[in-house]
PDB file of N, CA and C in Angstrom:
ATOM      1  N   MET A   1      71.025 145.681 152.564  1.00  0.00           N
ATOM      2  CA  MET A   1      70.326 144.942 151.531  1.00  0.00           C
ATOM      3  C   MET A   1      68.883 145.414 151.468  1.00  0.00           C
ATOM      4  N   ARG A   2      68.387 145.628 150.284  1.00  0.00           N
ATOM      5  CA  ARG A   2      67.027 146.116 150.108  1.00  0.00           C
ATOM      6  C   ARG A   2      66.067 144.946 149.979  1.00  0.00           C
ATOM      7  N   ASN A   3      64.873 145.081 150.521  1.00  0.00           N
ATOM      8  CA  ASN A   3      63.858 144.032 150.484  1.00  0.00           C
ATOM      9  C   ASN A   3      62.944 144.202 149.282  1.00  0.00           C
ATOM     10  N   GLU A   4      63.521 144.117 148.101  1.00  0.00           N
ATOM     11  CA  GLU A   4      62.756 144.256 146.879  1.00  0.00           C
ATOM     12  C   GLU A   4      62.904 142.994 146.059  1.00  0.00           C
ATOM     13  N   ALA A   5      61.856 142.663 145.306  1.00  0.00           N
ATOM     14  CA  ALA A   5      61.916 141.507 144.420  1.00  0.00           C
ATOM     15  C   ALA A   5      62.859 141.825 143.263  1.00  0.00           C
ATOM     16  N   ARG A   6      63.612 140.814 142.850  1.00  0.00           N
ATOM     17  CA  ARG A   6      64.447 140.972 141.673  1.00  0.00           C
ATOM     18  C   ARG A   6      63.577 140.953 140.429  1.00  0.00           C
ATOM     19  N   GLU A   7      64.132 141.364 139.303  1.00  0.00           N
ATOM     20  CA  GLU A   7      63.389 141.387 138.055  1.00  0.00           C
ATOM     21  C   GLU A   7      62.805 140.006 137.770  1.00  0.00           C
ATOM     22  N   GLY A   8      61.510 139.952 137.454  1.00  0.00           N
ATOM     23  CA  GLY A   8      60.845 138.702 137.141  1.00  0.00           C
ATOM     24  C   GLY A   8      60.260 137.984 138.336  1.00  0.00           C
ATOM     25  N   GLU A   9      60.534 138.467 139.546  1.00  0.00           N
ATOM     26  CA  GLU A   9      60.003 137.839 140.754  1.00  0.00           C
ATOM     27  C   GLU A   9      58.769 138.598 141.249  1.00  0.00           C
ATOM     28  N   VAL A  10      57.922 137.890 141.945  1.00  0.00           N
ATOM     29  CA  VAL A  10      56.742 138.473 142.565  1.00  0.00           C
ATOM     30  C   VAL A  10      56.904 138.315 144.060  1.00  0.00           C
ATOM     31  N   LYS A  11      56.673 139.382 144.814  1.00  0.00           N
ATOM     32  CA  LYS A  11      56.752 139.251 146.272  1.00  0.00           C
ATOM     33  C   LYS A  11      55.708 138.256 146.739  1.00  0.00           C
ATOM     34  N   CYS A  12      56.080 137.477 147.709  1.00  0.00           N
ATOM     35  CA  CYS A  12      55.202 136.420 148.215  1.00  0.00           C
ATOM     36  C   CYS A  12      53.906 136.993 148.764  1.00  0.00           C
ATOM     37  N   CYS A  13      52.823 136.401 148.342  1.00  0.00           N
ATOM     38  CA  CYS A  13      51.507 136.633 148.942  1.00  0.00           C
ATOM     39  C   CYS A  13      50.999 138.063 148.793  1.00  0.00           C
ATOM     40  N   THR A  14      51.381 138.765 147.754  1.00  0.00           N
ATOM     41  CA  THR A  14      50.873 140.110 147.549  1.00  0.00           C
ATOM     42  C   THR A  14      49.738 140.141 146.536  1.00  0.00           C
ATOM     43  N   ARG A  15      49.695 139.167 145.652  1.00  0.00           N
ATOM     44  CA  ARG A  15      48.590 139.066 144.698  1.00  0.00           C
ATOM     45  C   ARG A  15      47.551 138.139 145.305  1.00  0.00           C
ATOM     46  N   ARG A  16      46.330 138.553 145.336  1.00  0.00           N
ATOM     47  CA  ARG A  16      45.287 137.764 145.984  1.00  0.00           C
ATOM     48  C   ARG A  16      44.628 136.754 145.056  1.00  0.00           C
ATOM     49  N   GLU A  17      44.877 136.847 143.760  1.00  0.00           N
ATOM     50  CA  GLU A  17      44.363 135.852 142.827  1.00  0.00           C
ATOM     51  C   GLU A  17      45.398 135.609 141.743  1.00  0.00           C
ATOM     52  N   ARG A  18      45.627 134.331 141.462  1.00  0.00           N
ATOM     53  CA  ARG A  18      46.601 133.959 140.441  1.00  0.00           C
ATOM     54  C   ARG A  18      46.012 132.870 139.567  1.00  0.00           C
ATOM     55  N   GLU A  19      46.207 133.017 138.274  1.00  0.00           N
ATOM     56  CA  GLU A  19      45.802 131.994 137.320  1.00  0.00           C
ATOM     57  C   GLU A  19      47.002 131.104 137.052  1.00  0.00           C
ATOM     58  N   VAL A  20      46.798 129.789 137.090  1.00  0.00           N
ATOM     59  CA  VAL A  20      47.880 128.849 136.841  1.00  0.00           C
ATOM     60  C   VAL A  20      47.492 127.920 135.701  1.00  0.00           C
ATOM     61  N   THR A  21      48.496 127.325 135.078  1.00  0.00           N
ATOM     62  CA  THR A  21      48.281 126.389 133.981  1.00  0.00           C
ATOM     63  C   THR A  21      48.709 124.991 134.404  1.00  0.00           C
ATOM     64  N   ALA A  22      48.376 124.008 133.589  1.00  0.00           N
ATOM     65  CA  ALA A  22      48.756 122.627 133.871  1.00  0.00           C
ATOM     66  C   ALA A  22      50.268 122.468 133.938  1.00  0.00           C
ATOM     67  N   ALA A  23      51.008 123.303 133.222  1.00  0.00           N
ATOM     68  CA  ALA A  23      52.470 123.235 133.239  1.00  0.00           C
ATOM     69  C   ALA A  23      53.038 123.604 134.611  1.00  0.00           C
ATOM     70  N   GLU A  24      52.272 124.295 135.433  1.00  0.00           N
ATOM     71  CA  GLU A  24      52.730 124.718 136.761  1.00  0.00           C
ATOM     72  C   GLU A  24      52.381 123.720 137.862  1.00  0.00           C
ATOM     73  N   LEU A  25      51.764 122.611 137.503  1.00  0.00           N
ATOM     74  CA  LEU A  25      51.399 121.587 138.480  1.00  0.00           C
ATOM     75  C   LEU A  25      52.578 120.679 138.749  1.00  0.00           C
ATOM     76  N   PRO A  26      52.760 120.123 139.923  1.00  0.00           N
ATOM     77  CA  PRO A  26      51.898 120.319 141.080  1.00  0.00           C
ATOM     78  C   PRO A  26      52.029 121.737 141.625  1.00  0.00           C
ATOM     79  N   LEU A  27      50.918 122.274 142.045  1.00  0.00           N
ATOM     80  CA  LEU A  27      50.851 123.654 142.517  1.00  0.00           C
ATOM     81  C   LEU A  27      51.288 123.744 143.976  1.00  0.00           C
ATOM     82  N   HIS A  28      52.094 124.763 144.241  1.00  0.00           N
ATOM     83  CA  HIS A  28      52.463 125.037 145.627  1.00  0.00           C
ATOM     84  C   HIS A  28      52.520 126.536 145.828  1.00  0.00           C
ATOM     85  N   CYS A  29      52.296 126.948 147.062  1.00  0.00           N
ATOM     86  CA  CYS A  29      52.372 128.346 147.439  1.00  0.00           C
ATOM     87  C   CYS A  29      53.375 128.450 148.573  1.00  0.00           C
ATOM     88  N   PRO A  30      54.311 129.362 148.497  1.00  0.00           N
ATOM     89  CA  PRO A  30      54.609 130.296 147.435  1.00  0.00           C
ATOM     90  C   PRO A  30      55.068 129.565 146.165  1.00  0.00           C
ATOM     91  N   THR A  31      54.778 130.175 145.016  1.00  0.00           N
ATOM     92  CA  THR A  31      55.194 129.605 143.738  1.00  0.00           C
ATOM     93  C   THR A  31      56.654 129.945 143.466  1.00  0.00           C
ATOM     94  N   ASP A  32      57.222 129.311 142.454  1.00  0.00           N
ATOM     95  CA  ASP A  32      58.651 129.491 142.157  1.00  0.00           C
ATOM     96  C   ASP A  32      59.031 130.918 141.797  1.00  0.00           C
ATOM     97  N   ASP A  33      58.094 131.707 141.271  1.00  0.00           N
ATOM     98  CA  ASP A  33      58.434 133.082 140.882  1.00  0.00           C
ATOM     99  C   ASP A  33      58.269 134.084 142.023  1.00  0.00           C
ATOM    100  N   MET A  34      57.937 133.612 143.215  1.00  0.00           N
ATOM    101  CA  MET A  34      57.776 134.504 144.377  1.00  0.00           C
ATOM    102  C   MET A  34      59.044 134.527 145.209  1.00  0.00           C
ATOM    103  N   THR A  35      59.327 135.673 145.799  1.00  0.00           N
ATOM    104  CA  THR A  35      60.441 135.736 146.736  1.00  0.00           C
ATOM    105  C   THR A  35      60.030 135.011 148.012  1.00  0.00           C
ATOM    106  N   LEU A  36      60.983 134.376 148.655  1.00  0.00           N
ATOM    107  CA  LEU A  36      60.647 133.561 149.819  1.00  0.00           C
ATOM    108  C   LEU A  36      61.018 134.207 151.148  1.00  0.00           C
ATOM    109  N   TRP A  37      61.792 135.267 151.137  1.00  0.00           N
ATOM    110  CA  TRP A  37      62.265 135.844 152.395  1.00  0.00           C
ATOM    111  C   TRP A  37      61.115 136.346 153.265  1.00  0.00           C
ATOM    112  N   ASN A  38      60.002 136.733 152.657  1.00  0.00           N
ATOM    113  CA  ASN A  38      58.888 137.267 153.441  1.00  0.00           C
ATOM    114  C   ASN A  38      57.662 136.369 153.369  1.00  0.00           C
ATOM    115  N   GLY A  39      57.857 135.120 152.995  1.00  0.00           N
ATOM    116  CA  GLY A  39      56.726 134.231 152.767  1.00  0.00           C
ATOM    117  C   GLY A  39      56.408 133.322 153.936  1.00  0.00           C
ATOM    118  N   HIS A  40      55.609 132.353 153.632  1.00  0.00           N
ATOM    119  CA  HIS A  40      55.200 131.342 154.603  1.00  0.00           C
ATOM    120  C   HIS A  40      55.763 129.995 154.155  1.00  0.00           C
ATOM    121  N   PRO A  41      55.632 128.961 154.969  1.00  0.00           N
ATOM    122  CA  PRO A  41      56.133 127.646 154.562  1.00  0.00           C
ATOM    123  C   PRO A  41      55.456 127.188 153.268  1.00  0.00           C
ATOM    124  N   ARG A  42      56.194 126.473 152.440  1.00  0.00           N
ATOM    125  CA  ARG A  42      55.637 125.969 151.186  1.00  0.00           C
ATOM    126  C   ARG A  42      54.576 124.920 151.487  1.00  0.00           C
ATOM    127  N   VAL A  43      53.446 125.066 150.830  1.00  0.00           N
ATOM    128  CA  VAL A  43      52.349 124.116 150.968  1.00  0.00           C
ATOM    129  C   VAL A  43      51.891 123.728 149.563  1.00  0.00           C
ATOM    130  N   PHE A  44      51.703 122.432 149.342  1.00  0.00           N
ATOM    131  CA  PHE A  44      51.207 121.951 148.056  1.00  0.00           C
ATOM    132  C   PHE A  44      49.686 121.988 148.078  1.00  0.00           C
ATOM    133  N   LEU A  45      49.106 122.463 146.976  1.00  0.00           N
ATOM    134  CA  LEU A  45      47.674 122.688 146.895  1.00  0.00           C
ATOM    135  C   LEU A  45      47.054 121.786 145.823  1.00  0.00           C
ATOM    136  N   PRO A  46      46.136 120.892 146.199  1.00  0.00           N
ATOM    137  CA  PRO A  46      45.530 119.953 145.245  1.00  0.00           C
ATOM    138  C   PRO A  46      44.429 120.618 144.408  1.00  0.00           C
ATOM    139  N   ILE A  47      44.821 121.494 143.504  1.00  0.00           N
ATOM    140  CA  ILE A  47      43.862 122.298 142.748  1.00  0.00           C
ATOM    141  C   ILE A  47      42.981 121.453 141.835  1.00  0.00           C
ATOM    142  N   GLU A  48      43.524 120.384 141.265  1.00  0.00           N
ATOM    143  CA  GLU A  48      42.710 119.548 140.376  1.00  0.00           C
ATOM    144  C   GLU A  48      41.608 118.834 141.158  1.00  0.00           C
ATOM    145  N   ALA A  49      41.936 118.305 142.317  1.00  0.00           N
ATOM    146  CA  ALA A  49      40.950 117.616 143.145  1.00  0.00           C
ATOM    147  C   ALA A  49      39.906 118.581 143.707  1.00  0.00           C
ATOM    148  N   ALA A  50      40.249 119.856 143.772  1.00  0.00           N
ATOM    149  CA  ALA A  50      39.338 120.870 144.315  1.00  0.00           C
ATOM    150  C   ALA A  50      38.455 121.489 143.234  1.00  0.00           C
ATOM    151  N   GLY A  51      38.499 120.952 142.023  1.00  0.00           N
ATOM    152  CA  GLY A  51      37.628 121.457 140.967  1.00  0.00           C
ATOM    153  C   GLY A  51      38.168 122.639 140.190  1.00  0.00           C
ATOM    154  N   GLY A  52      39.462 122.910 140.307  1.00  0.00           N
ATOM    155  CA  GLY A  52      40.071 123.974 139.517  1.00  0.00           C
ATOM    156  C   GLY A  52      40.250 125.298 140.236  1.00  0.00           C
ATOM    157  N   GLU A  53      39.838 125.391 141.492  1.00  0.00           N
ATOM    158  CA  GLU A  53      40.036 126.599 142.293  1.00  0.00           C
ATOM    159  C   GLU A  53      40.383 126.177 143.713  1.00  0.00           C
ATOM    160  N   ILE A  54      41.333 126.898 144.310  1.00  0.00           N
ATOM    161  CA  ILE A  54      41.724 126.569 145.682  1.00  0.00           C
ATOM    162  C   ILE A  54      42.335 127.797 146.351  1.00  0.00           C
ATOM    163  N   LEU A  55      42.182 127.878 147.657  1.00  0.00           N
ATOM    164  CA  LEU A  55      42.772 128.956 148.454  1.00  0.00           C
ATOM    165  C   LEU A  55      43.955 128.421 149.234  1.00  0.00           C
ATOM    166  N   CYS A  56      45.005 129.232 149.324  1.00  0.00           N
ATOM    167  CA  CYS A  56      46.134 128.871 150.169  1.00  0.00           C
ATOM    168  C   CYS A  56      45.706 129.044 151.623  1.00  0.00           C
ATOM    169  N   PRO A  57      45.905 128.020 152.462  1.00  0.00           N
ATOM    170  CA  PRO A  57      45.486 128.139 153.858  1.00  0.00           C
ATOM    171  C   PRO A  57      46.320 129.132 154.674  1.00  0.00           C
ATOM    172  N   TYR A  58      47.506 129.496 154.191  1.00  0.00           N
ATOM    173  CA  TYR A  58      48.358 130.443 154.919  1.00  0.00           C
ATOM    174  C   TYR A  58      48.045 131.890 154.575  1.00  0.00           C
ATOM    175  N   CYS A  59      48.001 132.202 153.286  1.00  0.00           N
ATOM    176  CA  CYS A  59      47.892 133.609 152.890  1.00  0.00           C
ATOM    177  C   CYS A  59      46.563 133.968 152.229  1.00  0.00           C
ATOM    178  N   GLY A  60      45.753 132.967 151.892  1.00  0.00           N
ATOM    179  CA  GLY A  60      44.448 133.245 151.308  1.00  0.00           C
ATOM    180  C   GLY A  60      44.467 133.523 149.821  1.00  0.00           C
ATOM    181  N   THR A  61      45.622 133.400 149.176  1.00  0.00           N
ATOM    182  CA  THR A  61      45.674 133.608 147.735  1.00  0.00           C
ATOM    183  C   THR A  61      44.776 132.587 147.055  1.00  0.00           C
ATOM    184  N   ARG A  62      43.961 133.059 146.130  1.00  0.00           N
ATOM    185  CA  ARG A  62      43.056 132.186 145.377  1.00  0.00           C
ATOM    186  C   ARG A  62      43.740 131.807 144.073  1.00  0.00           C
ATOM    187  N   TYR A  63      43.866 130.516 143.834  1.00  0.00           N
ATOM    188  CA  TYR A  63      44.459 129.995 142.605  1.00  0.00           C
ATOM    189  C   TYR A  63      43.350 129.427 141.742  1.00  0.00           C
ATOM    190  N   VAL A  64      43.398 129.760 140.453  1.00  0.00           N
ATOM    191  CA  VAL A  64      42.422 129.281 139.482  1.00  0.00           C
ATOM    192  C   VAL A  64      43.179 128.570 138.375  1.00  0.00           C
ATOM    193  N   LEU A  65      42.790 127.331 138.091  1.00  0.00           N
ATOM    194  CA  LEU A  65      43.429 126.548 137.037  1.00  0.00           C
ATOM    195  C   LEU A  65      42.831 126.914 135.703  1.00  0.00           C
ATOM    196  N   ARG A  66      43.671 127.407 134.801  1.00  0.00           N
ATOM    197  CA  ARG A  66      43.217 127.771 133.459  1.00  0.00           C
ATOM    198  C   ARG A  66      43.129 126.499 132.622  1.00  0.00           C
ATOM    199  N   ARG A  67      42.003 126.266 132.071  1.00  0.00           N
ATOM    200  CA  ARG A  67      41.783 125.088 131.221  1.00  0.00           C
ATOM    201  C   ARG A  67      41.950 125.504 129.761  1.00  0.00           C
ATOM    202  N   ASP A  68      42.929 124.888 129.104  1.00  0.00           N
ATOM    203  CA  ASP A  68      43.163 125.227 127.689  1.00  0.00           C
ATOM    204  C   ASP A  68      42.586 124.174 126.777  1.00  0.00           C
TER     205      ASP A  68
END
């Protein structure tokens, strides 16, 4: 078996910054479009309470809430 993401998936924790929308809340890392085989435990991130930006404590990915 090959360790590659399927079409439409993002490997866990490889992008260091991700923009998210209100439709993706509640926010958690890894997100639903990430592969989980190489990831860390799912953690929910209170991005709204943090002022629209937050870092994942496991992988350091920076999430930014896009305000429309």
